[in-house]
Every structure is written in structure tokens, then in C-alpha cells.
All heavy atoms as atom14 arrays in JSON, in Angstrom:
{
  "sequence": "FMGDAGDAARRYMSDNSIAGHYARAIADNKAGRLEQALAGADALIKA",
  "atom14_mask": [
    [1, 1, 1, 1, 1, 1, 1, 1, 1, 1, 1, 0, 0, 0],
    [1, 1, 1, 1, 1, 1, 1, 1, 0, 0, 0, 0, 0, 0],
    [1, 1, 1, 1, 0, 0, 0, 0, 0, 0, 0, 0, 0, 0],
    [1, 1, 1, 1, 1, 1, 1, 1, 0, 0, 0, 0, 0, 0],
    [1, 1, 1, 1, 1, 0, 0, 0, 0, 0, 0, 0, 0, 0],
    [1, 1, 1, 1, 0, 0, 0, 0, 0, 0, 0, 0, 0, 0],
    [1, 1, 1, 1, 1, 1, 1, 1, 0, 0, 0, 0, 0, 0],
    [1, 1, 1, 1, 1, 0, 0, 0, 0, 0, 0, 0, 0, 0],
    [1, 1, 1, 1, 1, 0, 0, 0, 0, 0, 0, 0, 0, 0],
    [1, 1, 1, 1, 1, 1, 1, 1, 1, 1, 1, 0, 0, 0],
    [1, 1, 1, 1, 1, 1, 1, 1, 1, 1, 1, 0, 0, 0],
    [1, 1, 1, 1, 1, 1, 1, 1, 1, 1, 1, 1, 0, 0],
    [1, 1, 1, 1, 1, 1, 1, 1, 0, 0, 0, 0, 0, 0],
    [1, 1, 1, 1, 1, 1, 0, 0, 0, 0, 0, 0, 0, 0],
    [1, 1, 1, 1, 1, 1, 1, 1, 0, 0, 0, 0, 0, 0],
    [1, 1, 1, 1, 1, 1, 1, 1, 0, 0, 0, 0, 0, 0],
    [1, 1, 1, 1, 1, 1, 0, 0, 0, 0, 0, 0, 0, 0],
    [1, 1, 1, 1, 1, 1, 1, 1, 0, 0, 0, 0, 0, 0],
    [1, 1, 1, 1, 1, 0, 0, 0, 0, 0, 0, 0, 0, 0],
    [1, 1, 1, 1, 0, 0, 0, 0, 0, 0, 0, 0, 0, 0],
    [1, 1, 1, 1, 1, 1, 1, 1, 1, 1, 0, 0, 0, 0],
    [1, 1, 1, 1, 1, 1, 1, 1, 1, 1, 1, 1, 0, 0],
    [1, 1, 1, 1, 1, 0, 0, 0, 0, 0, 0, 0, 0, 0],
    [1, 1, 1, 1, 1, 1, 1, 1, 1, 1, 1, 0, 0, 0],
    [1, 1, 1, 1, 1, 0, 0, 0, 0, 0, 0, 0, 0, 0],
    [1, 1, 1, 1, 1, 1, 1, 1, 0, 0, 0, 0, 0, 0],
    [1, 1, 1, 1, 1, 0, 0, 0, 0, 0, 0, 0, 0, 0],
    [1, 1, 1, 1, 1, 1, 1, 1, 0, 0, 0, 0, 0, 0],
    [1, 1, 1, 1, 1, 1, 1, 1, 0, 0, 0, 0, 0, 0],
    [1, 1, 1, 1, 1, 1, 1, 1, 1, 0, 0, 0, 0, 0],
    [1, 1, 1, 1, 1, 0, 0, 0, 0, 0, 0, 0, 0, 0],
    [1, 1, 1, 1, 0, 0, 0, 0, 0, 0, 0, 0, 0, 0],
    [1, 1, 1, 1, 1, 1, 1, 1, 1, 1, 1, 0, 0, 0],
    [1, 1, 1, 1, 1, 1, 1, 1, 0, 0, 0, 0, 0, 0],
    [1, 1, 1, 1, 1, 1, 1, 1, 1, 0, 0, 0, 0, 0],
    [1, 1, 1, 1, 1, 1, 1, 1, 1, 0, 0, 0, 0, 0],
    [1, 1, 1, 1, 1, 0, 0, 0, 0, 0, 0, 0, 0, 0],
    [1, 1, 1, 1, 1, 1, 1, 1, 0, 0, 0, 0, 0, 0],
    [1, 1, 1, 1, 1, 0, 0, 0, 0, 0, 0, 0, 0, 0],
    [1, 1, 1, 1, 0, 0, 0, 0, 0, 0, 0, 0, 0, 0],
    [1, 1, 1, 1, 1, 0, 0, 0, 0, 0, 0, 0, 0, 0],
    [1, 1, 1, 1, 1, 1, 1, 1, 0, 0, 0, 0, 0, 0],
    [1, 1, 1, 1, 1, 0, 0, 0, 0, 0, 0, 0, 0, 0],
    [1, 1, 1, 1, 1, 1, 1, 1, 0, 0, 0, 0, 0, 0],
    [1, 1, 1, 1, 1, 1, 1, 1, 0, 0, 0, 0, 0, 0],
    [1, 1, 1, 1, 1, 1, 1, 1, 1, 0, 0, 0, 0, 0],
    [1, 1, 1, 1, 1, 0, 0, 0, 0, 0, 0, 0, 0, 0]
  ],
  "atom14_positions": [
    [[27.8, 4.06, 12.14], [28.76, 3.94, 13.18], [28.9, 5.01, 14.18], [29.14, 4.8, 15.35], [30.15, 3.64, 12.55], [30.39, 2.14, 12.21], [30.59, 1.7, 10.89], [30.64, 1.21, 13.25], [30.74, 0.41, 10.58], [30.85, -0.09, 12.89], [30.94, -0.51, 11.56], [0.0, 0.0, 0.0], [0.0, 0.0, 0.0], [0.0, 0.0, 0.0]],
    [[28.76, 6.25, 13.68], [29.11, 7.38, 14.52], [27.87, 8.14, 14.99], [28.07, 9.0, 15.89], [30.06, 8.29, 13.74], [31.38, 7.59, 13.35], [32.61, 8.79, 12.67], [32.95, 9.71, 14.21], [0.0, 0.0, 0.0], [0.0, 0.0, 0.0], [0.0, 0.0, 0.0], [0.0, 0.0, 0.0], [0.0, 0.0, 0.0], [0.0, 0.0, 0.0]],
    [[26.67, 7.89, 14.41], [25.53, 8.64, 14.8], [25.04, 8.16, 16.15], [25.41, 7.13, 16.65], [0.0, 0.0, 0.0], [0.0, 0.0, 0.0], [0.0, 0.0, 0.0], [0.0, 0.0, 0.0], [0.0, 0.0, 0.0], [0.0, 0.0, 0.0], [0.0, 0.0, 0.0], [0.0, 0.0, 0.0], [0.0, 0.0, 0.0], [0.0, 0.0, 0.0]],
    [[24.05, 8.87, 16.7], [23.5, 8.44, 17.88], [22.37, 7.42, 17.48], [22.11, 7.14, 16.39], [22.9, 9.63, 18.72], [21.86, 10.38, 17.93], [21.17, 9.87, 17.18], [21.81, 11.63, 18.14], [0.0, 0.0, 0.0], [0.0, 0.0, 0.0], [0.0, 0.0, 0.0], [0.0, 0.0, 0.0], [0.0, 0.0, 0.0], [0.0, 0.0, 0.0]],
    [[21.65, 6.97, 18.6], [20.72, 5.92, 18.41], [19.6, 6.25, 17.33], [19.09, 5.3, 16.66], [20.05, 5.59, 19.76], [0.0, 0.0, 0.0], [0.0, 0.0, 0.0], [0.0, 0.0, 0.0], [0.0, 0.0, 0.0], [0.0, 0.0, 0.0], [0.0, 0.0, 0.0], [0.0, 0.0, 0.0], [0.0, 0.0, 0.0], [0.0, 0.0, 0.0]],
    [[19.36, 7.51, 17.16], [18.15, 7.84, 16.31], [18.65, 8.37, 14.88], [17.88, 8.52, 14.0], [0.0, 0.0, 0.0], [0.0, 0.0, 0.0], [0.0, 0.0, 0.0], [0.0, 0.0, 0.0], [0.0, 0.0, 0.0], [0.0, 0.0, 0.0], [0.0, 0.0, 0.0], [0.0, 0.0, 0.0], [0.0, 0.0, 0.0], [0.0, 0.0, 0.0]],
    [[19.98, 8.47, 14.75], [20.48, 9.09, 13.41], [20.08, 8.19, 12.22], [19.54, 8.63, 11.25], [21.9, 9.35, 13.45], [22.26, 10.59, 14.19], [21.36, 11.35, 14.53], [23.58, 10.94, 14.39], [0.0, 0.0, 0.0], [0.0, 0.0, 0.0], [0.0, 0.0, 0.0], [0.0, 0.0, 0.0], [0.0, 0.0, 0.0], [0.0, 0.0, 0.0]],
    [[20.43, 6.89, 12.35], [20.13, 6.03, 11.24], [18.73, 5.93, 10.95], [18.26, 5.9, 9.77], [20.75, 4.6, 11.41], [0.0, 0.0, 0.0], [0.0, 0.0, 0.0], [0.0, 0.0, 0.0], [0.0, 0.0, 0.0], [0.0, 0.0, 0.0], [0.0, 0.0, 0.0], [0.0, 0.0, 0.0], [0.0, 0.0, 0.0], [0.0, 0.0, 0.0]],
    [[17.9, 5.92, 12.09], [16.43, 5.82, 11.78], [15.88, 7.06, 11.09], [15.03, 6.98, 10.15], [15.76, 5.61, 13.23], [0.0, 0.0, 0.0], [0.0, 0.0, 0.0], [0.0, 0.0, 0.0], [0.0, 0.0, 0.0], [0.0, 0.0, 0.0], [0.0, 0.0, 0.0], [0.0, 0.0, 0.0], [0.0, 0.0, 0.0], [0.0, 0.0, 0.0]],
    [[16.4, 8.23, 11.55], [15.88, 9.44, 10.87], [16.2, 9.57, 9.54], [15.5, 10.1, 8.67], [16.42, 10.63, 11.74], [15.79, 10.92, 13.11], [16.07, 12.21, 13.61], [17.52, 12.37, 13.93], [18.07, 12.02, 15.09], [17.39, 11.49, 16.06], [19.47, 12.05, 15.32], [0.0, 0.0, 0.0], [0.0, 0.0, 0.0], [0.0, 0.0, 0.0]],
    [[17.42, 9.16, 9.23], [17.95, 9.41, 7.78], [17.62, 8.23, 6.83], [17.41, 8.48, 5.68], [19.41, 9.48, 7.82], [20.09, 10.81, 8.42], [21.5, 10.81, 8.49], [22.12, 11.98, 9.04], [22.66, 12.95, 8.4], [22.79, 12.86, 7.03], [23.22, 14.07, 9.03], [0.0, 0.0, 0.0], [0.0, 0.0, 0.0], [0.0, 0.0, 0.0]],
    [[17.47, 6.98, 7.43], [17.4, 5.85, 6.5], [16.23, 4.93, 6.75], [16.11, 3.82, 6.16], [18.72, 5.01, 6.57], [19.89, 5.82, 6.02], [20.72, 6.44, 6.91], [20.13, 5.94, 4.73], [21.93, 7.17, 6.44], [21.23, 6.62, 4.23], [22.1, 7.23, 5.14], [23.13, 7.97, 4.64], [0.0, 0.0, 0.0], [0.0, 0.0, 0.0]],
    [[15.38, 5.17, 7.63], [14.24, 4.32, 8.04], [13.49, 3.9, 6.74], [13.04, 2.66, 6.72], [13.35, 4.93, 9.09], [12.26, 3.89, 9.66], [12.92, 2.43, 10.26], [13.71, 3.09, 11.75], [0.0, 0.0, 0.0], [0.0, 0.0, 0.0], [0.0, 0.0, 0.0], [0.0, 0.0, 0.0], [0.0, 0.0, 0.0], [0.0, 0.0, 0.0]],
    [[13.12, 4.74, 5.97], [12.27, 4.45, 4.73], [13.07, 4.31, 3.53], [12.47, 4.31, 2.42], [11.14, 5.46, 4.59], [11.72, 6.77, 4.47], [0.0, 0.0, 0.0], [0.0, 0.0, 0.0], [0.0, 0.0, 0.0], [0.0, 0.0, 0.0], [0.0, 0.0, 0.0], [0.0, 0.0, 0.0], [0.0, 0.0, 0.0], [0.0, 0.0, 0.0]],
    [[14.37, 4.25, 3.62], [15.25, 4.24, 2.52], [15.58, 2.81, 2.16], [16.25, 2.09, 2.86], [16.56, 5.0, 2.82], [17.59, 5.14, 1.59], [17.28, 4.39, 0.57], [18.47, 6.02, 1.66], [0.0, 0.0, 0.0], [0.0, 0.0, 0.0], [0.0, 0.0, 0.0], [0.0, 0.0, 0.0], [0.0, 0.0, 0.0], [0.0, 0.0, 0.0]],
    [[15.07, 2.32, 1.01], [15.26, 1.02, 0.54], [16.46, 0.73, -0.36], [16.63, -0.31, -0.88], [13.99, 0.43, -0.06], [12.83, 0.29, 0.91], [13.02, -0.24, 2.01], [11.64, 0.69, 0.35], [0.0, 0.0, 0.0], [0.0, 0.0, 0.0], [0.0, 0.0, 0.0], [0.0, 0.0, 0.0], [0.0, 0.0, 0.0], [0.0, 0.0, 0.0]],
    [[17.29, 1.75, -0.55], [18.49, 1.63, -1.25], [19.53, 0.79, -0.5], [19.37, 0.38, 0.67], [19.17, 2.97, -1.54], [19.62, 3.57, -0.33], [0.0, 0.0, 0.0], [0.0, 0.0, 0.0], [0.0, 0.0, 0.0], [0.0, 0.0, 0.0], [0.0, 0.0, 0.0], [0.0, 0.0, 0.0], [0.0, 0.0, 0.0], [0.0, 0.0, 0.0]],
    [[20.63, 0.42, -1.2], [21.71, -0.36, -0.6], [22.27, 0.41, 0.57], [22.56, -0.07, 1.7], [22.78, -0.72, -1.56], [22.32, -1.6, -2.71], [24.03, -1.35, -0.89], [21.93, -3.04, -2.15], [0.0, 0.0, 0.0], [0.0, 0.0, 0.0], [0.0, 0.0, 0.0], [0.0, 0.0, 0.0], [0.0, 0.0, 0.0], [0.0, 0.0, 0.0]],
    [[22.37, 1.75, 0.42], [22.95, 2.58, 1.45], [22.05, 2.57, 2.7], [22.53, 2.56, 3.81], [23.1, 3.99, 0.94], [0.0, 0.0, 0.0], [0.0, 0.0, 0.0], [0.0, 0.0, 0.0], [0.0, 0.0, 0.0], [0.0, 0.0, 0.0], [0.0, 0.0, 0.0], [0.0, 0.0, 0.0], [0.0, 0.0, 0.0], [0.0, 0.0, 0.0]],
    [[20.71, 2.58, 2.46], [19.77, 2.54, 3.56], [19.9, 1.23, 4.34], [19.95, 1.21, 5.57], [0.0, 0.0, 0.0], [0.0, 0.0, 0.0], [0.0, 0.0, 0.0], [0.0, 0.0, 0.0], [0.0, 0.0, 0.0], [0.0, 0.0, 0.0], [0.0, 0.0, 0.0], [0.0, 0.0, 0.0], [0.0, 0.0, 0.0], [0.0, 0.0, 0.0]],
    [[20.09, 0.07, 3.66], [20.25, -1.21, 4.31], [21.59, -1.26, 5.02], [21.58, -1.85, 6.15], [20.13, -2.32, 3.23], [18.81, -2.65, 2.78], [17.8, -3.13, 3.55], [18.17, -2.35, 1.5], [16.67, -3.24, 2.81], [16.87, -2.82, 1.63], [0.0, 0.0, 0.0], [0.0, 0.0, 0.0], [0.0, 0.0, 0.0], [0.0, 0.0, 0.0]],
    [[22.56, -0.6, 4.52], [23.94, -0.57, 5.16], [23.85, 0.13, 6.53], [24.23, -0.44, 7.47], [24.76, 0.2, 4.2], [26.34, 0.0, 4.35], [26.85, -1.23, 5.03], [27.2, 0.88, 3.65], [28.19, -1.35, 5.05], [28.56, 0.54, 3.79], [29.11, -0.52, 4.39], [30.38, -0.79, 4.53], [0.0, 0.0, 0.0], [0.0, 0.0, 0.0]],
    [[23.18, 1.34, 6.52], [23.13, 2.05, 7.78], [22.33, 1.34, 8.78], [22.65, 1.25, 9.93], [22.51, 3.52, 7.37], [0.0, 0.0, 0.0], [0.0, 0.0, 0.0], [0.0, 0.0, 0.0], [0.0, 0.0, 0.0], [0.0, 0.0, 0.0], [0.0, 0.0, 0.0], [0.0, 0.0, 0.0], [0.0, 0.0, 0.0], [0.0, 0.0, 0.0]],
    [[21.24, 0.72, 8.38], [20.38, 0.03, 9.33], [21.1, -1.2, 9.97], [20.85, -1.52, 11.09], [18.98, -0.3, 8.7], [18.15, 0.89, 8.47], [16.64, 0.59, 8.18], [16.56, -0.18, 6.93], [16.41, 0.33, 5.71], [16.39, 1.7, 5.58], [16.33, -0.39, 4.7], [0.0, 0.0, 0.0], [0.0, 0.0, 0.0], [0.0, 0.0, 0.0]],
    [[21.82, -2.01, 9.03], [22.49, -3.16, 9.59], [23.59, -2.74, 10.62], [23.69, -3.39, 11.7], [23.19, -3.82, 8.4], [0.0, 0.0, 0.0], [0.0, 0.0, 0.0], [0.0, 0.0, 0.0], [0.0, 0.0, 0.0], [0.0, 0.0, 0.0], [0.0, 0.0, 0.0], [0.0, 0.0, 0.0], [0.0, 0.0, 0.0], [0.0, 0.0, 0.0]],
    [[24.28, -1.64, 10.41], [25.25, -1.21, 11.33], [24.55, -0.73, 12.65], [24.95, -0.97, 13.74], [26.09, -0.01, 10.74], [26.93, -0.64, 9.56], [27.03, 0.62, 11.73], [27.58, 0.48, 8.63], [0.0, 0.0, 0.0], [0.0, 0.0, 0.0], [0.0, 0.0, 0.0], [0.0, 0.0, 0.0], [0.0, 0.0, 0.0], [0.0, 0.0, 0.0]],
    [[23.53, 0.06, 12.41], [22.73, 0.56, 13.73], [22.21, -0.58, 14.4], [22.1, -0.62, 15.58], [21.56, 1.44, 13.18], [0.0, 0.0, 0.0], [0.0, 0.0, 0.0], [0.0, 0.0, 0.0], [0.0, 0.0, 0.0], [0.0, 0.0, 0.0], [0.0, 0.0, 0.0], [0.0, 0.0, 0.0], [0.0, 0.0, 0.0], [0.0, 0.0, 0.0]],
    [[21.66, -1.73, 13.78], [21.16, -2.82, 14.49], [22.31, -3.51, 15.38], [22.02, -3.84, 16.48], [20.66, -3.88, 13.49], [19.3, -3.54, 13.05], [18.6, -2.86, 13.67], [18.92, -4.03, 11.92], [0.0, 0.0, 0.0], [0.0, 0.0, 0.0], [0.0, 0.0, 0.0], [0.0, 0.0, 0.0], [0.0, 0.0, 0.0], [0.0, 0.0, 0.0]],
    [[23.47, -3.62, 14.78], [24.62, -4.28, 15.5], [24.91, -3.34, 16.68], [25.21, -3.89, 17.84], [25.8, -4.44, 14.57], [26.91, -5.18, 15.3], [26.78, -6.35, 15.71], [28.08, -4.52, 15.51], [0.0, 0.0, 0.0], [0.0, 0.0, 0.0], [0.0, 0.0, 0.0], [0.0, 0.0, 0.0], [0.0, 0.0, 0.0], [0.0, 0.0, 0.0]],
    [[24.92, -1.99, 16.45], [25.42, -1.06, 17.52], [24.32, -1.2, 18.68], [24.66, -0.92, 19.83], [25.34, 0.33, 16.92], [25.94, 1.38, 17.74], [26.1, 2.65, 17.06], [26.71, 3.73, 17.91], [26.77, 5.08, 17.12], [0.0, 0.0, 0.0], [0.0, 0.0, 0.0], [0.0, 0.0, 0.0], [0.0, 0.0, 0.0], [0.0, 0.0, 0.0]],
    [[23.09, -1.47, 18.34], [22.03, -1.61, 19.42], [21.87, -2.83, 19.98], [21.03, -3.15, 20.78], [20.71, -1.15, 18.69], [0.0, 0.0, 0.0], [0.0, 0.0, 0.0], [0.0, 0.0, 0.0], [0.0, 0.0, 0.0], [0.0, 0.0, 0.0], [0.0, 0.0, 0.0], [0.0, 0.0, 0.0], [0.0, 0.0, 0.0], [0.0, 0.0, 0.0]],
    [[22.77, -3.85, 19.66], [22.78, -5.14, 20.17], [21.88, -6.12, 19.54], [21.62, -7.2, 20.05], [0.0, 0.0, 0.0], [0.0, 0.0, 0.0], [0.0, 0.0, 0.0], [0.0, 0.0, 0.0], [0.0, 0.0, 0.0], [0.0, 0.0, 0.0], [0.0, 0.0, 0.0], [0.0, 0.0, 0.0], [0.0, 0.0, 0.0], [0.0, 0.0, 0.0]],
    [[21.4, -5.8, 18.41], [20.45, -6.6, 17.68], [21.26, -7.5, 16.6], [21.24, -7.21, 15.45], [19.33, -5.94, 17.02], [18.42, -5.0, 17.97], [17.31, -4.41, 17.22], [17.73, -3.24, 16.36], [17.8, -2.02, 16.84], [17.5, -1.67, 18.06], [18.17, -1.11, 15.9], [0.0, 0.0, 0.0], [0.0, 0.0, 0.0], [0.0, 0.0, 0.0]],
    [[21.96, -8.42, 17.23], [23.0, -9.12, 16.31], [22.37, -9.9, 15.17], [22.91, -9.82, 14.0], [23.84, -10.14, 17.15], [24.89, -10.86, 16.48], [25.95, -10.0, 15.76], [25.65, -11.96, 17.34], [0.0, 0.0, 0.0], [0.0, 0.0, 0.0], [0.0, 0.0, 0.0], [0.0, 0.0, 0.0], [0.0, 0.0, 0.0], [0.0, 0.0, 0.0]],
    [[21.26, -10.66, 15.51], [20.66, -11.39, 14.38], [20.19, -10.59, 13.27], [20.36, -10.92, 12.02], [19.56, -12.37, 14.95], [20.19, -13.38, 15.9], [21.39, -14.19, 15.4], [21.34, -14.58, 14.19], [22.4, -14.36, 16.11], [0.0, 0.0, 0.0], [0.0, 0.0, 0.0], [0.0, 0.0, 0.0], [0.0, 0.0, 0.0], [0.0, 0.0, 0.0]],
    [[19.52, -9.4, 13.7], [19.0, -8.53, 12.54], [20.26, -7.91, 11.8], [20.22, -7.78, 10.55], [18.22, -7.42, 13.16], [16.89, -7.87, 13.8], [17.03, -8.08, 15.36], [17.97, -8.78, 15.74], [16.1, -7.52, 16.01], [0.0, 0.0, 0.0], [0.0, 0.0, 0.0], [0.0, 0.0, 0.0], [0.0, 0.0, 0.0], [0.0, 0.0, 0.0]],
    [[21.37, -7.61, 12.54], [22.46, -7.12, 11.9], [23.16, -8.13, 10.91], [23.53, -7.77, 9.75], [23.56, -6.64, 12.89], [0.0, 0.0, 0.0], [0.0, 0.0, 0.0], [0.0, 0.0, 0.0], [0.0, 0.0, 0.0], [0.0, 0.0, 0.0], [0.0, 0.0, 0.0], [0.0, 0.0, 0.0], [0.0, 0.0, 0.0], [0.0, 0.0, 0.0]],
    [[23.26, -9.36, 11.4], [23.77, -10.34, 10.42], [22.92, -10.6, 9.26], [23.39, -10.81, 8.09], [23.99, -11.68, 11.18], [25.15, -11.68, 12.27], [25.12, -12.91, 13.16], [26.44, -11.57, 11.55], [0.0, 0.0, 0.0], [0.0, 0.0, 0.0], [0.0, 0.0, 0.0], [0.0, 0.0, 0.0], [0.0, 0.0, 0.0], [0.0, 0.0, 0.0]],
    [[21.57, -10.62, 9.46], [20.66, -10.74, 8.39], [20.86, -9.63, 7.32], [20.76, -9.8, 6.11], [19.2, -10.82, 8.84], [0.0, 0.0, 0.0], [0.0, 0.0, 0.0], [0.0, 0.0, 0.0], [0.0, 0.0, 0.0], [0.0, 0.0, 0.0], [0.0, 0.0, 0.0], [0.0, 0.0, 0.0], [0.0, 0.0, 0.0], [0.0, 0.0, 0.0]],
    [[21.07, -8.42, 7.88], [21.27, -7.27, 7.0], [22.49, -7.39, 6.23], [22.59, -7.06, 5.04], [0.0, 0.0, 0.0], [0.0, 0.0, 0.0], [0.0, 0.0, 0.0], [0.0, 0.0, 0.0], [0.0, 0.0, 0.0], [0.0, 0.0, 0.0], [0.0, 0.0, 0.0], [0.0, 0.0, 0.0], [0.0, 0.0, 0.0], [0.0, 0.0, 0.0]],
    [[23.61, -7.84, 6.86], [24.82, -7.99, 6.23], [24.73, -9.03, 5.1], [25.27, -8.91, 4.04], [25.95, -8.45, 7.21], [0.0, 0.0, 0.0], [0.0, 0.0, 0.0], [0.0, 0.0, 0.0], [0.0, 0.0, 0.0], [0.0, 0.0, 0.0], [0.0, 0.0, 0.0], [0.0, 0.0, 0.0], [0.0, 0.0, 0.0], [0.0, 0.0, 0.0]],
    [[24.0, -10.12, 5.43], [23.82, -11.22, 4.31], [23.05, -10.66, 3.17], [23.33, -11.1, 2.02], [23.11, -12.38, 5.04], [24.02, -13.24, 5.93], [25.24, -13.25, 5.71], [23.42, -13.93, 6.81], [0.0, 0.0, 0.0], [0.0, 0.0, 0.0], [0.0, 0.0, 0.0], [0.0, 0.0, 0.0], [0.0, 0.0, 0.0], [0.0, 0.0, 0.0]],
    [[22.03, -9.73, 3.5], [21.3, -9.12, 2.35], [22.21, -8.34, 1.48], [22.02, -8.26, 0.27], [20.11, -8.45, 2.95], [0.0, 0.0, 0.0], [0.0, 0.0, 0.0], [0.0, 0.0, 0.0], [0.0, 0.0, 0.0], [0.0, 0.0, 0.0], [0.0, 0.0, 0.0], [0.0, 0.0, 0.0], [0.0, 0.0, 0.0], [0.0, 0.0, 0.0]],
    [[23.08, -7.59, 2.07], [24.04, -6.7, 1.39], [24.89, -7.58, 0.55], [25.2, -7.29, -0.61], [24.83, -5.86, 2.32], [24.0, -4.81, 3.16], [24.9, -4.23, 4.28], [23.68, -3.62, 2.16], [0.0, 0.0, 0.0], [0.0, 0.0, 0.0], [0.0, 0.0, 0.0], [0.0, 0.0, 0.0], [0.0, 0.0, 0.0], [0.0, 0.0, 0.0]],
    [[25.44, -8.76, 1.16], [26.33, -9.55, 0.33], [25.61, -10.28, -0.86], [26.16, -10.3, -1.86], [26.85, -10.63, 1.32], [27.91, -10.09, 2.28], [27.61, -11.78, 0.5], [28.39, -10.96, 3.44], [0.0, 0.0, 0.0], [0.0, 0.0, 0.0], [0.0, 0.0, 0.0], [0.0, 0.0, 0.0], [0.0, 0.0, 0.0], [0.0, 0.0, 0.0]],
    [[24.36, -10.6, -0.67], [23.55, -11.21, -1.71], [23.41, -10.07, -2.84], [23.46, -10.52, -3.99], [22.21, -11.63, -1.19], [21.4, -12.24, -2.27], [20.02, -12.9, -1.72], [19.25, -13.48, -2.78], [17.92, -14.07, -2.16], [0.0, 0.0, 0.0], [0.0, 0.0, 0.0], [0.0, 0.0, 0.0], [0.0, 0.0, 0.0], [0.0, 0.0, 0.0]],
    [[23.17, -8.88, -2.44], [23.07, -7.82, -3.51], [24.21, -7.46, -4.23], [24.33, -7.25, -5.45], [22.44, -6.53, -2.85], [0.0, 0.0, 0.0], [0.0, 0.0, 0.0], [0.0, 0.0, 0.0], [0.0, 0.0, 0.0], [0.0, 0.0, 0.0], [0.0, 0.0, 0.0], [0.0, 0.0, 0.0], [0.0, 0.0, 0.0], [0.0, 0.0, 0.0]]
  ]
}
């Protein structure tokens, strides 16, 4: 939520943990990639 455009990528791009998926879903929404963000949220809910 609070990092710049590259923060989530730098910290979590190759992180396959739940936390990594969380950061990337939020970053996708922040960047206007709604469908990817919703898919990420659905994956988190499934987990």
C-alpha cells in the first residue's frame, strides 16, 4: 500500500509465500491491474 511502484517487486517478486502474494495483489491494484489484483485476492482467500 505505501511503497513506490518498485517496492513490492524488489521485496516480493520471487516470494511465493502468502505474504508475497499479498504484497503483489495490493501492488497490482495500486497499478490499475484490477483483474490481476482480484485474482490475487481470490488466491489468498482460497489459501
